[in-house]
PDB file of N, CA and C in Angstrom:
ATOM      1  N   MET A   1      -7.881  -1.417 -16.446  1.00  0.00           N
ATOM      2  CA  MET A   1      -6.965  -1.795 -15.392  1.00  0.00           C
ATOM      3  C   MET A   1      -7.697  -1.670 -14.058  1.00  0.00           C
ATOM      4  N   ARG A   2      -7.148  -2.304 -13.028  1.00  0.00           N
ATOM      5  CA  ARG A   2      -7.696  -2.218 -11.677  1.00  0.00           C
ATOM      6  C   ARG A   2      -7.011  -1.060 -10.952  1.00  0.00           C
ATOM      7  N   ALA A   3      -7.799  -0.345 -10.155  1.00  0.00           N
ATOM      8  CA  ALA A   3      -7.279   0.805  -9.427  1.00  0.00           C
ATOM      9  C   ALA A   3      -8.156   1.065  -8.205  1.00  0.00           C
ATOM     10  N   VAL A   4      -7.650   1.868  -7.282  1.00  0.00           N
ATOM     11  CA  VAL A   4      -8.434   2.334  -6.138  1.00  0.00           C
ATOM     12  C   VAL A   4      -9.061   3.655  -6.582  1.00  0.00           C
ATOM     13  N   VAL A   5     -10.381   3.625  -6.764  1.00  0.00           N
ATOM     14  CA  VAL A   5     -11.085   4.727  -7.421  1.00  0.00           C
ATOM     15  C   VAL A   5     -11.977   5.478  -6.429  1.00  0.00           C
ATOM     16  N   VAL A   6     -11.921   6.801  -6.505  1.00  0.00           N
ATOM     17  CA  VAL A   6     -12.792   7.672  -5.732  1.00  0.00           C
ATOM     18  C   VAL A   6     -13.945   8.074  -6.642  1.00  0.00           C
ATOM     19  N   THR A   7     -15.154   7.673  -6.270  1.00  0.00           N
ATOM     20  CA  THR A   7     -16.341   8.032  -7.049  1.00  0.00           C
ATOM     21  C   THR A   7     -17.275   8.970  -6.283  1.00  0.00           C
ATOM     22  N   ASP A   8     -17.047   9.095  -4.967  1.00  0.00           N
ATOM     23  CA  ASP A   8     -17.875   9.928  -4.095  1.00  0.00           C
ATOM     24  C   ASP A   8     -16.993  10.388  -2.947  1.00  0.00           C
ATOM     25  N   LEU A   9     -16.865  11.695  -2.750  1.00  0.00           N
ATOM     26  CA  LEU A   9     -15.982  12.215  -1.711  1.00  0.00           C
ATOM     27  C   LEU A   9     -16.471  11.887  -0.303  1.00  0.00           C
ATOM     28  N   ALA A  10     -17.724  11.470  -0.173  1.00  0.00           N
ATOM     29  CA  ALA A  10     -18.268  11.114   1.136  1.00  0.00           C
ATOM     30  C   ALA A  10     -18.162   9.618   1.420  1.00  0.00           C
ATOM     31  N   ALA A  11     -17.614   8.857   0.470  1.00  0.00           N
ATOM     32  CA  ALA A  11     -17.489   7.406   0.642  1.00  0.00           C
ATOM     33  C   ALA A  11     -16.031   6.999   0.473  1.00  0.00           C
ATOM     34  N   PRO A  12     -15.645   5.875   1.079  1.00  0.00           N
ATOM     35  CA  PRO A  12     -14.258   5.422   0.907  1.00  0.00           C
ATOM     36  C   PRO A  12     -13.974   5.030  -0.544  1.00  0.00           C
ATOM     37  N   PRO A  13     -12.728   5.186  -0.986  1.00  0.00           N
ATOM     38  CA  PRO A  13     -12.358   4.703  -2.322  1.00  0.00           C
ATOM     39  C   PRO A  13     -12.546   3.188  -2.383  1.00  0.00           C
ATOM     40  N   ALA A  14     -12.719   2.656  -3.590  1.00  0.00           N
ATOM     41  CA  ALA A  14     -12.929   1.217  -3.753  1.00  0.00           C
ATOM     42  C   ALA A  14     -12.154   0.718  -4.962  1.00  0.00           C
ATOM     43  N   CYS A  15     -11.773  -0.556  -4.910  1.00  0.00           N
ATOM     44  CA  CYS A  15     -11.095  -1.181  -6.039  1.00  0.00           C
ATOM     45  C   CYS A  15     -12.103  -1.347  -7.175  1.00  0.00           C
ATOM     46  N   ALA A  16     -11.740  -0.891  -8.352  1.00  0.00           N
ATOM     47  CA  ALA A  16     -12.654  -0.930  -9.494  1.00  0.00           C
ATOM     48  C   ALA A  16     -11.860  -0.872 -10.797  1.00  0.00           C
ATOM     49  N   ASP A  17     -12.541  -1.103 -11.887  1.00  0.00           N
ATOM     50  CA  ASP A  17     -11.918  -0.920 -13.197  1.00  0.00           C
ATOM     51  C   ASP A  17     -11.837   0.570 -13.496  1.00  0.00           C
ATOM     52  N   PHE A  18     -10.740   0.971 -14.154  1.00  0.00           N
ATOM     53  CA  PHE A  18     -10.526   2.361 -14.533  1.00  0.00           C
ATOM     54  C   PHE A  18      -9.839   2.349 -15.891  1.00  0.00           C
ATOM     55  N   PRO A  19     -10.112   3.324 -16.748  1.00  0.00           N
ATOM     56  CA  PRO A  19      -9.472   3.328 -18.074  1.00  0.00           C
ATOM     57  C   PRO A  19      -7.947   3.317 -17.987  1.00  0.00           C
ATOM     58  N   ASP A  20      -7.325   2.593 -18.895  1.00  0.00           N
ATOM     59  CA  ASP A  20      -5.867   2.546 -18.970  1.00  0.00           C
ATOM     60  C   ASP A  20      -5.299   3.940 -19.224  1.00  0.00           C
ATOM     61  N   PRO A  21      -4.128   4.232 -18.641  1.00  0.00           N
ATOM     62  CA  PRO A  21      -3.500   5.535 -18.912  1.00  0.00           C
ATOM     63  C   PRO A  21      -3.048   5.621 -20.369  1.00  0.00           C
ATOM     64  N   VAL A  22      -3.168   6.796 -20.936  1.00  0.00           N
ATOM     65  CA  VAL A  22      -2.732   7.034 -22.316  1.00  0.00           C
ATOM     66  C   VAL A  22      -1.578   8.025 -22.254  1.00  0.00           C
ATOM     67  N   PRO A  23      -0.344   7.561 -22.571  1.00  0.00           N
ATOM     68  CA  PRO A  23       0.810   8.472 -22.487  1.00  0.00           C
ATOM     69  C   PRO A  23       0.611   9.734 -23.323  1.00  0.00           C
ATOM     70  N   THR A  24       0.985  10.853 -22.732  1.00  0.00           N
ATOM     71  CA  THR A  24       0.917  12.142 -23.408  1.00  0.00           C
ATOM     72  C   THR A  24       2.294  12.798 -23.330  1.00  0.00           C
ATOM     73  N   GLU A  25       2.482  13.857 -24.081  1.00  0.00           N
ATOM     74  CA  GLU A  25       3.778  14.536 -24.118  1.00  0.00           C
ATOM     75  C   GLU A  25       4.189  14.977 -22.718  1.00  0.00           C
ATOM     76  N   GLY A  26       5.421  14.672 -22.362  1.00  0.00           N
ATOM     77  CA  GLY A  26       5.948  15.068 -21.066  1.00  0.00           C
ATOM     78  C   GLY A  26       5.727  14.042 -19.966  1.00  0.00           C
ATOM     79  N   PHE A  27       4.980  12.979 -20.255  1.00  0.00           N
ATOM     80  CA  PHE A  27       4.690  11.949 -19.255  1.00  0.00           C
ATOM     81  C   PHE A  27       5.105  10.589 -19.786  1.00  0.00           C
ATOM     82  N   THR A  28       5.407   9.689 -18.856  1.00  0.00           N
ATOM     83  CA  THR A  28       5.748   8.330 -19.224  1.00  0.00           C
ATOM     84  C   THR A  28       4.937   7.366 -18.367  1.00  0.00           C
ATOM     85  N   GLU A  29       4.629   6.201 -18.922  1.00  0.00           N
ATOM     86  CA  GLU A  29       3.847   5.208 -18.198  1.00  0.00           C
ATOM     87  C   GLU A  29       4.757   4.351 -17.330  1.00  0.00           C
ATOM     88  N   VAL A  30       4.296   4.051 -16.110  1.00  0.00           N
ATOM     89  CA  VAL A  30       5.025   3.171 -15.195  1.00  0.00           C
ATOM     90  C   VAL A  30       4.074   2.090 -14.698  1.00  0.00           C
ATOM     91  N   ARG A  31       4.658   0.969 -14.261  1.00  0.00           N
ATOM     92  CA  ARG A  31       3.875  -0.100 -13.635  1.00  0.00           C
ATOM     93  C   ARG A  31       4.084   0.023 -12.136  1.00  0.00           C
ATOM     94  N   MET A  32       3.012   0.279 -11.412  1.00  0.00           N
ATOM     95  CA  MET A  32       3.102   0.502  -9.975  1.00  0.00           C
ATOM     96  C   MET A  32       3.362  -0.803  -9.233  1.00  0.00           C
ATOM     97  N   LEU A  33       4.236  -0.724  -8.225  1.00  0.00           N
ATOM     98  CA  LEU A  33       4.532  -1.853  -7.347  1.00  0.00           C
ATOM     99  C   LEU A  33       3.945  -1.630  -5.957  1.00  0.00           C
ATOM    100  N   ALA A  34       3.961  -0.388  -5.479  1.00  0.00           N
ATOM    101  CA  ALA A  34       3.437  -0.041  -4.153  1.00  0.00           C
ATOM    102  C   ALA A  34       3.091   1.443  -4.146  1.00  0.00           C
ATOM    103  N   ALA A  35       2.091   1.804  -3.368  1.00  0.00           N
ATOM    104  CA  ALA A  35       1.685   3.206  -3.271  1.00  0.00           C
ATOM    105  C   ALA A  35       1.656   3.634  -1.816  1.00  0.00           C
ATOM    106  N   GLY A  36       2.007   4.890  -1.567  1.00  0.00           N
ATOM    107  CA  GLY A  36       1.966   5.427  -0.214  1.00  0.00           C
ATOM    108  C   GLY A  36       0.531   5.641   0.242  1.00  0.00           C
ATOM    109  N   VAL A  37       0.288   5.342   1.510  1.00  0.00           N
ATOM    110  CA  VAL A  37      -1.018   5.598   2.125  1.00  0.00           C
ATOM    111  C   VAL A  37      -0.741   6.477   3.341  1.00  0.00           C
ATOM    112  N   HIS A  38      -1.071   7.751   3.241  1.00  0.00           N
ATOM    113  CA  HIS A  38      -0.784   8.699   4.308  1.00  0.00           C
ATOM    114  C   HIS A  38      -1.851   9.777   4.323  1.00  0.00           C
ATOM    115  N   GLN A  39      -1.712  10.739   5.223  1.00  0.00           N
ATOM    116  CA  GLN A  39      -2.761  11.750   5.420  1.00  0.00           C
ATOM    117  C   GLN A  39      -3.054  12.581   4.170  1.00  0.00           C
ATOM    118  N   VAL A  40      -2.059  12.867   3.357  1.00  0.00           N
ATOM    119  CA  VAL A  40      -2.312  13.641   2.131  1.00  0.00           C
ATOM    120  C   VAL A  40      -3.248  12.852   1.211  1.00  0.00           C
ATOM    121  N   VAL A  41      -2.981  11.566   1.060  1.00  0.00           N
ATOM    122  CA  VAL A  41      -3.829  10.717   0.211  1.00  0.00           C
ATOM    123  C   VAL A  41      -5.251  10.679   0.771  1.00  0.00           C
ATOM    124  N   ARG A  42      -5.369  10.509   2.074  1.00  0.00           N
ATOM    125  CA  ARG A  42      -6.697  10.472   2.704  1.00  0.00           C
ATOM    126  C   ARG A  42      -7.434  11.793   2.494  1.00  0.00           C
ATOM    127  N   GLY A  43      -6.728  12.911   2.665  1.00  0.00           N
ATOM    128  CA  GLY A  43      -7.355  14.220   2.497  1.00  0.00           C
ATOM    129  C   GLY A  43      -7.828  14.466   1.074  1.00  0.00           C
ATOM    130  N   ILE A  44      -7.013  14.093   0.097  1.00  0.00           N
ATOM    131  CA  ILE A  44      -7.402  14.261  -1.306  1.00  0.00           C
ATOM    132  C   ILE A  44      -8.610  13.388  -1.620  1.00  0.00           C
ATOM    133  N   ALA A  45      -8.584  12.124  -1.169  1.00  0.00           N
ATOM    134  CA  ALA A  45      -9.693  11.203  -1.442  1.00  0.00           C
ATOM    135  C   ALA A  45     -11.007  11.673  -0.811  1.00  0.00           C
ATOM    136  N   ALA A  46     -10.916  12.447   0.285  1.00  0.00           N
ATOM    137  CA  ALA A  46     -12.108  12.967   0.950  1.00  0.00           C
ATOM    138  C   ALA A  46     -12.490  14.363   0.450  1.00  0.00           C
ATOM    139  N   GLY A  47     -11.676  14.924  -0.448  1.00  0.00           N
ATOM    140  CA  GLY A  47     -11.952  16.264  -0.958  1.00  0.00           C
ATOM    141  C   GLY A  47     -11.579  17.361   0.023  1.00  0.00           C
ATOM    142  N   ALA A  48     -10.827  17.021   1.082  1.00  0.00           N
ATOM    143  CA  ALA A  48     -10.494  17.977   2.137  1.00  0.00           C
ATOM    144  C   ALA A  48      -9.123  18.627   1.968  1.00  0.00           C
ATOM    145  N   HIS A  49      -8.329  18.166   1.020  1.00  0.00           N
ATOM    146  CA  HIS A  49      -6.977  18.703   0.803  1.00  0.00           C
ATOM    147  C   HIS A  49      -7.019  19.690  -0.362  1.00  0.00           C
ATOM    148  N   TYR A  50      -6.190  20.735  -0.295  1.00  0.00           N
ATOM    149  CA  TYR A  50      -6.208  21.748  -1.357  1.00  0.00           C
ATOM    150  C   TYR A  50      -5.864  21.179  -2.728  1.00  0.00           C
ATOM    151  N   ALA A  51      -5.187  20.022  -2.782  1.00  0.00           N
ATOM    152  CA  ALA A  51      -4.829  19.415  -4.062  1.00  0.00           C
ATOM    153  C   ALA A  51      -5.952  18.558  -4.645  1.00  0.00           C
ATOM    154  N   ALA A  52      -7.053  18.420  -3.912  1.00  0.00           N
ATOM    155  CA  ALA A  52      -8.165  17.594  -4.397  1.00  0.00           C
ATOM    156  C   ALA A  52      -8.787  18.241  -5.634  1.00  0.00           C
ATOM    157  N   GLY A  53      -8.980  17.425  -6.649  1.00  0.00           N
ATOM    158  CA  GLY A  53      -9.638  17.921  -7.857  1.00  0.00           C
ATOM    159  C   GLY A  53     -11.140  17.943  -7.674  1.00  0.00           C
ATOM    160  N   GLU A  54     -11.814  18.510  -8.639  1.00  0.00           N
ATOM    161  CA  GLU A  54     -13.267  18.596  -8.558  1.00  0.00           C
ATOM    162  C   GLU A  54     -13.959  17.546  -9.410  1.00  0.00           C
ATOM    163  N   GLU A  55     -13.215  16.896 -10.309  1.00  0.00           N
ATOM    164  CA  GLU A  55     -13.821  15.914 -11.205  1.00  0.00           C
ATOM    165  C   GLU A  55     -13.740  14.516 -10.631  1.00  0.00           C
ATOM    166  N   LEU A  56     -14.855  13.824 -10.677  1.00  0.00           N
ATOM    167  CA  LEU A  56     -14.937  12.424 -10.266  1.00  0.00           C
ATOM    168  C   LEU A  56     -15.252  11.599 -11.498  1.00  0.00           C
ATOM    169  N   PRO A  57     -14.842  10.378 -11.567  1.00  0.00           N
ATOM    170  CA  PRO A  57     -14.001   9.648 -10.629  1.00  0.00           C
ATOM    171  C   PRO A  57     -12.528   9.956 -10.855  1.00  0.00           C
ATOM    172  N   PHE A  58     -11.706   9.598  -9.840  1.00  0.00           N
ATOM    173  CA  PHE A  58     -10.255   9.690  -9.997  1.00  0.00           C
ATOM    174  C   PHE A  58      -9.600   8.569  -9.203  1.00  0.00           C
ATOM    175  N   VAL A  59      -8.348   8.287  -9.544  1.00  0.00           N
ATOM    176  CA  VAL A  59      -7.578   7.244  -8.866  1.00  0.00           C
ATOM    177  C   VAL A  59      -6.840   7.878  -7.690  1.00  0.00           C
ATOM    178  N   ALA A  60      -6.943   7.245  -6.517  1.00  0.00           N
ATOM    179  CA  ALA A  60      -6.268   7.728  -5.317  1.00  0.00           C
ATOM    180  C   ALA A  60      -4.758   7.492  -5.409  1.00  0.00           C
ATOM    181  N   GLY A  61      -4.008   8.239  -4.615  1.00  0.00           N
ATOM    182  CA  GLY A  61      -2.568   8.031  -4.507  1.00  0.00           C
ATOM    183  C   GLY A  61      -1.753   9.133  -5.145  1.00  0.00           C
ATOM    184  N   VAL A  62      -0.695   9.554  -4.420  1.00  0.00           N
ATOM    185  CA  VAL A  62       0.158  10.634  -4.929  1.00  0.00           C
ATOM    186  C   VAL A  62       1.612  10.223  -5.121  1.00  0.00           C
ATOM    187  N   ASP A  63       2.028   9.105  -4.500  1.00  0.00           N
ATOM    188  CA  ASP A  63       3.417   8.679  -4.642  1.00  0.00           C
ATOM    189  C   ASP A  63       3.517   7.175  -4.459  1.00  0.00           C
ATOM    190  N   GLY A  64       4.673   6.627  -4.826  1.00  0.00           N
ATOM    191  CA  GLY A  64       4.863   5.200  -4.650  1.00  0.00           C
ATOM    192  C   GLY A  64       6.098   4.705  -5.369  1.00  0.00           C
ATOM    193  N   VAL A  65       6.235   3.379  -5.390  1.00  0.00           N
ATOM    194  CA  VAL A  65       7.351   2.724  -6.059  1.00  0.00           C
ATOM    195  C   VAL A  65       6.811   2.043  -7.309  1.00  0.00           C
ATOM    196  N   ALA A  66       7.528   2.207  -8.411  1.00  0.00           N
ATOM    197  CA  ALA A  66       7.067   1.692  -9.698  1.00  0.00           C
ATOM    198  C   ALA A  66       8.243   1.113 -10.474  1.00  0.00           C
ATOM    199  N   LEU A  67       7.915   0.436 -11.563  1.00  0.00           N
ATOM    200  CA  LEU A  67       8.937  -0.012 -12.509  1.00  0.00           C
ATOM    201  C   LEU A  67       8.918   0.911 -13.711  1.00  0.00           C
ATOM    202  N   LEU A  68      10.073   1.442 -14.035  1.00  0.00           N
ATOM    203  CA  LEU A  68      10.239   2.309 -15.199  1.00  0.00           C
ATOM    204  C   LEU A  68      11.406   1.753 -15.994  1.00  0.00           C
ATOM    205  N   ASP A  69      11.126   1.239 -17.168  1.00  0.00           N
ATOM    206  CA  ASP A  69      12.156   0.623 -18.015  1.00  0.00           C
ATOM    207  C   ASP A  69      12.938  -0.453 -17.253  1.00  0.00           C
ATOM    208  N   GLY A  70      12.221  -1.240 -16.435  1.00  0.00           N
ATOM    209  CA  GLY A  70      12.838  -2.337 -15.697  1.00  0.00           C
ATOM    210  C   GLY A  70      13.574  -1.929 -14.434  1.00  0.00           C
ATOM    211  N   VAL A  71      13.542  -0.654 -14.073  1.00  0.00           N
ATOM    212  CA  VAL A  71      14.234  -0.147 -12.886  1.00  0.00           C
ATOM    213  C   VAL A  71      13.190   0.272 -11.849  1.00  0.00           C
ATOM    214  N   ARG A  72      13.387  -0.146 -10.580  1.00  0.00           N
ATOM    215  CA  ARG A  72      12.499   0.289  -9.505  1.00  0.00           C
ATOM    216  C   ARG A  72      12.775   1.748  -9.180  1.00  0.00           C
ATOM    217  N   VAL A  73      11.726   2.560  -9.135  1.00  0.00           N
ATOM    218  CA  VAL A  73      11.865   3.991  -8.875  1.00  0.00           C
ATOM    219  C   VAL A  73      10.799   4.454  -7.888  1.00  0.00           C
ATOM    220  N   TYR A  74      11.116   5.522  -7.167  1.00  0.00           N
ATOM    221  CA  TYR A  74      10.126   6.238  -6.358  1.00  0.00           C
ATOM    222  C   TYR A  74       9.639   7.381  -7.228  1.00  0.00           C
ATOM    223  N   THR A  75       8.316   7.569  -7.291  1.00  0.00           N
ATOM    224  CA  THR A  75       7.795   8.577  -8.203  1.00  0.00           C
ATOM    225  C   THR A  75       6.431   9.089  -7.744  1.00  0.00           C
ATOM    226  N   GLY A  76       5.900  10.020  -8.460  1.00  0.00           N
ATOM    227  CA  GLY A  76       4.593  10.613  -8.192  1.00  0.00           C
ATOM    228  C   GLY A  76       4.317  11.672  -9.243  1.00  0.00           C
ATOM    229  N   GLY A  77       3.399  12.581  -8.938  1.00  0.00           N
ATOM    230  CA  GLY A  77       3.100  13.670  -9.863  1.00  0.00           C
ATOM    231  C   GLY A  77       2.185  13.296 -11.003  1.00  0.00           C
ATOM    232  N   CYS A  78       1.306  12.319 -10.786  1.00  0.00           N
ATOM    233  CA  CYS A  78       0.399  11.852 -11.839  1.00  0.00           C
ATOM    234  C   CYS A  78      -0.581  12.954 -12.257  1.00  0.00           C
ATOM    235  N   PRO A  79      -0.910  13.025 -13.537  1.00  0.00           N
ATOM    236  CA  PRO A  79      -1.901  14.008 -13.976  1.00  0.00           C
ATOM    237  C   PRO A  79      -3.314  13.528 -13.633  1.00  0.00           C
ATOM    238  N   ASP A  80      -4.198  14.455 -13.312  1.00  0.00           N
ATOM    239  CA  ASP A  80      -5.607  14.096 -13.062  1.00  0.00           C
ATOM    240  C   ASP A  80      -6.192  13.435 -14.291  1.00  0.00           C
ATOM    241  N   PRO A  81      -6.985  12.419 -14.149  1.00  0.00           N
ATOM    242  CA  PRO A  81      -7.559  11.829 -12.945  1.00  0.00           C
ATOM    243  C   PRO A  81      -6.778  10.617 -12.437  1.00  0.00           C
ATOM    244  N   LEU A  82      -5.514  10.489 -12.820  1.00  0.00           N
ATOM    245  CA  LEU A  82      -4.731   9.321 -12.434  1.00  0.00           C
ATOM    246  C   LEU A  82      -4.074   9.514 -11.074  1.00  0.00           C
ATOM    247  N   GLY A  83      -3.761   8.378 -10.427  1.00  0.00           N
ATOM    248  CA  GLY A  83      -3.053   8.367  -9.162  1.00  0.00           C
ATOM    249  C   GLY A  83      -2.152   7.151  -9.122  1.00  0.00           C
ATOM    250  N   THR A  84      -1.504   6.933  -7.993  1.00  0.00           N
ATOM    251  CA  THR A  84      -0.545   5.838  -7.888  1.00  0.00           C
ATOM    252  C   THR A  84      -1.151   4.531  -7.396  1.00  0.00           C
ATOM    253  N   MET A  85      -2.390   4.541  -6.947  1.00  0.00           N
ATOM    254  CA  MET A  85      -3.016   3.301  -6.476  1.00  0.00           C
ATOM    255  C   MET A  85      -3.705   2.603  -7.645  1.00  0.00           C
ATOM    256  N   ALA A  86      -2.880   2.179  -8.585  1.00  0.00           N
ATOM    257  CA  ALA A  86      -3.375   1.553  -9.810  1.00  0.00           C
ATOM    258  C   ALA A  86      -2.313   0.601 -10.339  1.00  0.00           C
ATOM    259  N   GLU A  87      -2.711  -0.251 -11.262  1.00  0.00           N
ATOM    260  CA  GLU A  87      -1.746  -1.152 -11.880  1.00  0.00           C
ATOM    261  C   GLU A  87      -0.696  -0.367 -12.659  1.00  0.00           C
ATOM    262  N   ARG A  88      -1.142   0.685 -13.340  1.00  0.00           N
ATOM    263  CA  ARG A  88      -0.251   1.539 -14.130  1.00  0.00           C
ATOM    264  C   ARG A  88      -0.714   2.981 -13.984  1.00  0.00           C
ATOM    265  N   THR A  89       0.219   3.886 -14.196  1.00  0.00           N
ATOM    266  CA  THR A  89      -0.129   5.300 -14.171  1.00  0.00           C
ATOM    267  C   THR A  89       0.862   6.075 -15.030  1.00  0.00           C
ATOM    268  N   LEU A  90       0.653   7.362 -15.151  1.00  0.00           N
ATOM    269  CA  LEU A  90       1.581   8.246 -15.857  1.00  0.00           C
ATOM    270  C   LEU A  90       2.277   9.129 -14.843  1.00  0.00           C
ATOM    271  N   VAL A  91       3.572   9.382 -15.081  1.00  0.00           N
ATOM    272  CA  VAL A  91       4.333  10.303 -14.236  1.00  0.00           C
ATOM    273  C   VAL A  91       5.128  11.237 -15.139  1.00  0.00           C
ATOM    274  N   PRO A  92       5.411  12.443 -14.656  1.00  0.00           N
ATOM    275  CA  PRO A  92       6.205  13.364 -15.464  1.00  0.00           C
ATOM    276  C   PRO A  92       7.596  12.803 -15.728  1.00  0.00           C
ATOM    277  N   ARG A  93       8.067  12.960 -16.951  1.00  0.00           N
ATOM    278  CA  ARG A  93       9.443  12.536 -17.258  1.00  0.00           C
ATOM    279  C   ARG A  93      10.399  13.285 -16.333  1.00  0.00           C
ATOM    280  N   GLY A  94      11.349  12.552 -15.771  1.00  0.00           N
ATOM    281  CA  GLY A  94      12.323  13.161 -14.884  1.00  0.00           C
ATOM    282  C   GLY A  94      11.909  13.191 -13.425  1.00  0.00           C
ATOM    283  N   TRP A  95      10.710  12.688 -13.089  1.00  0.00           N
ATOM    284  CA  TRP A  95      10.243  12.697 -11.703  1.00  0.00           C
ATOM    285  C   TRP A  95      10.429  11.351 -11.021  1.00  0.00           C
ATOM    286  N   ALA A  96      11.283  10.510 -11.540  1.00  0.00           N
ATOM    287  CA  ALA A  96      11.495   9.180 -10.979  1.00  0.00           C
ATOM    288  C   ALA A  96      12.907   9.091 -10.409  1.00  0.00           C
ATOM    289  N   VAL A  97      13.014   8.614  -9.176  1.00  0.00           N
ATOM    290  CA  VAL A  97      14.300   8.466  -8.498  1.00  0.00           C
ATOM    291  C   VAL A  97      14.551   6.974  -8.292  1.00  0.00           C
ATOM    292  N   PRO A  98      15.679   6.438  -8.767  1.00  0.00           N
ATOM    293  CA  PRO A  98      15.950   5.012  -8.584  1.00  0.00           C
ATOM    294  C   PRO A  98      15.950   4.618  -7.102  1.00  0.00           C
ATOM    295  N   VAL A  99      15.397   3.435  -6.823  1.00  0.00           N
ATOM    296  CA  VAL A  99      15.400   2.879  -5.469  1.00  0.00           C
ATOM    297  C   VAL A  99      16.569   1.901  -5.389  1.00  0.00           C
ATOM    298  N   PRO A 100      17.538   2.151  -4.511  1.00  0.00           N
ATOM    299  CA  PRO A 100      18.704   1.261  -4.420  1.00  0.00           C
ATOM    300  C   PRO A 100      18.297  -0.159  -4.020  1.00  0.00           C
ATOM    301  N   ASP A 101      19.066  -1.137  -4.489  1.00  0.00           N
ATOM    302  CA  ASP A 101      18.794  -2.526  -4.140  1.00  0.00           C
ATOM    303  C   ASP A 101      18.845  -2.753  -2.639  1.00  0.00           C
ATOM    304  N   ALA A 102      19.621  -1.983  -1.912  1.00  0.00           N
ATOM    305  CA  ALA A 102      19.706  -2.131  -0.460  1.00  0.00           C
ATOM    306  C   ALA A 102      18.364  -1.853   0.209  1.00  0.00           C
ATOM    307  N   CYS A 103      17.467  -1.149  -0.469  1.00  0.00           N
ATOM    308  CA  CYS A 103      16.148  -0.835   0.088  1.00  0.00           C
ATOM    309  C   CYS A 103      15.114  -1.900  -0.244  1.00  0.00           C
ATOM    310  N   ARG A 104      15.512  -2.914  -0.987  1.00  0.00           N
ATOM    311  CA  ARG A 104      14.584  -3.947  -1.412  1.00  0.00           C
ATOM    312  C   ARG A 104      14.224  -4.848  -0.225  1.00  0.00           C
ATOM    313  N   PRO A 105      12.931  -5.024   0.059  1.00  0.00           N
ATOM    314  CA  PRO A 105      12.543  -5.877   1.186  1.00  0.00           C
ATOM    315  C   PRO A 105      12.796  -7.349   0.881  1.00  0.00           C
ATOM    316  N   ASN A 106      13.061  -8.110   1.907  1.00  0.00           N
ATOM    317  CA  ASN A 106      13.225  -9.554   1.771  1.00  0.00           C
ATOM    318  C   ASN A 106      11.912 -10.202   2.176  1.00  0.00           C
ATOM    319  N   TRP A 107      11.114 -10.610   1.202  1.00  0.00           N
ATOM    320  CA  TRP A 107       9.780 -11.152   1.461  1.00  0.00           C
ATOM    321  C   TRP A 107       9.795 -12.644   1.747  1.00  0.00           C
ATOM    322  N   ARG A 108      10.936 -13.294   1.579  1.00  0.00           N
ATOM    323  CA  ARG A 108      10.999 -14.737   1.821  1.00  0.00           C
ATOM    324  C   ARG A 108      10.944 -15.026   3.314  1.00  0.00           C
ATOM    325  N   ARG A 109      10.256 -16.081   3.628  1.00  0.00           N
ATOM    326  CA  ARG A 109      10.184 -16.518   5.009  1.00  0.00           C
ATOM    327  C   ARG A 109      11.490 -17.214   5.376  1.00  0.00           C
ATOM    328  N   ARG A 110      12.048 -16.875   6.503  1.00  0.00           N
ATOM    329  CA  ARG A 110      13.303 -17.480   6.937  1.00  0.00           C
ATOM    330  C   ARG A 110      13.023 -18.732   7.749  1.00  0.00           C
ATOM    331  N   SER A 111      13.832 -19.752   7.509  1.00  0.00           N
ATOM    332  CA  SER A 111      13.661 -21.022   8.229  1.00  0.00           C
ATOM    333  C   SER A 111      14.375 -21.006   9.550  1.00  0.00           C
TER     334      SER A 111
END
């Protein structure tokens, strides 16, 4: 799958191929629609945040919007080395909050 991968803490993450997630007990696979880009993500990707792991490579991203069983949800909590800046990821069961339809953006151009 395609993902934003950190291979060097001194270099910016880059789009690259990464192994597909393999569901494990307690986790479920989701298809990512959007991922948050904020200071926590930047700090982890640079190895400067306390949540940064020591193993490289890893997928950047800690939260985002995904499809889970056809429902749009806000989620996060991916197990290392996975993150939310990927086509698919794993999230803990029960860590997904439905996104109301009222929050859905209107991407169509208005005439």
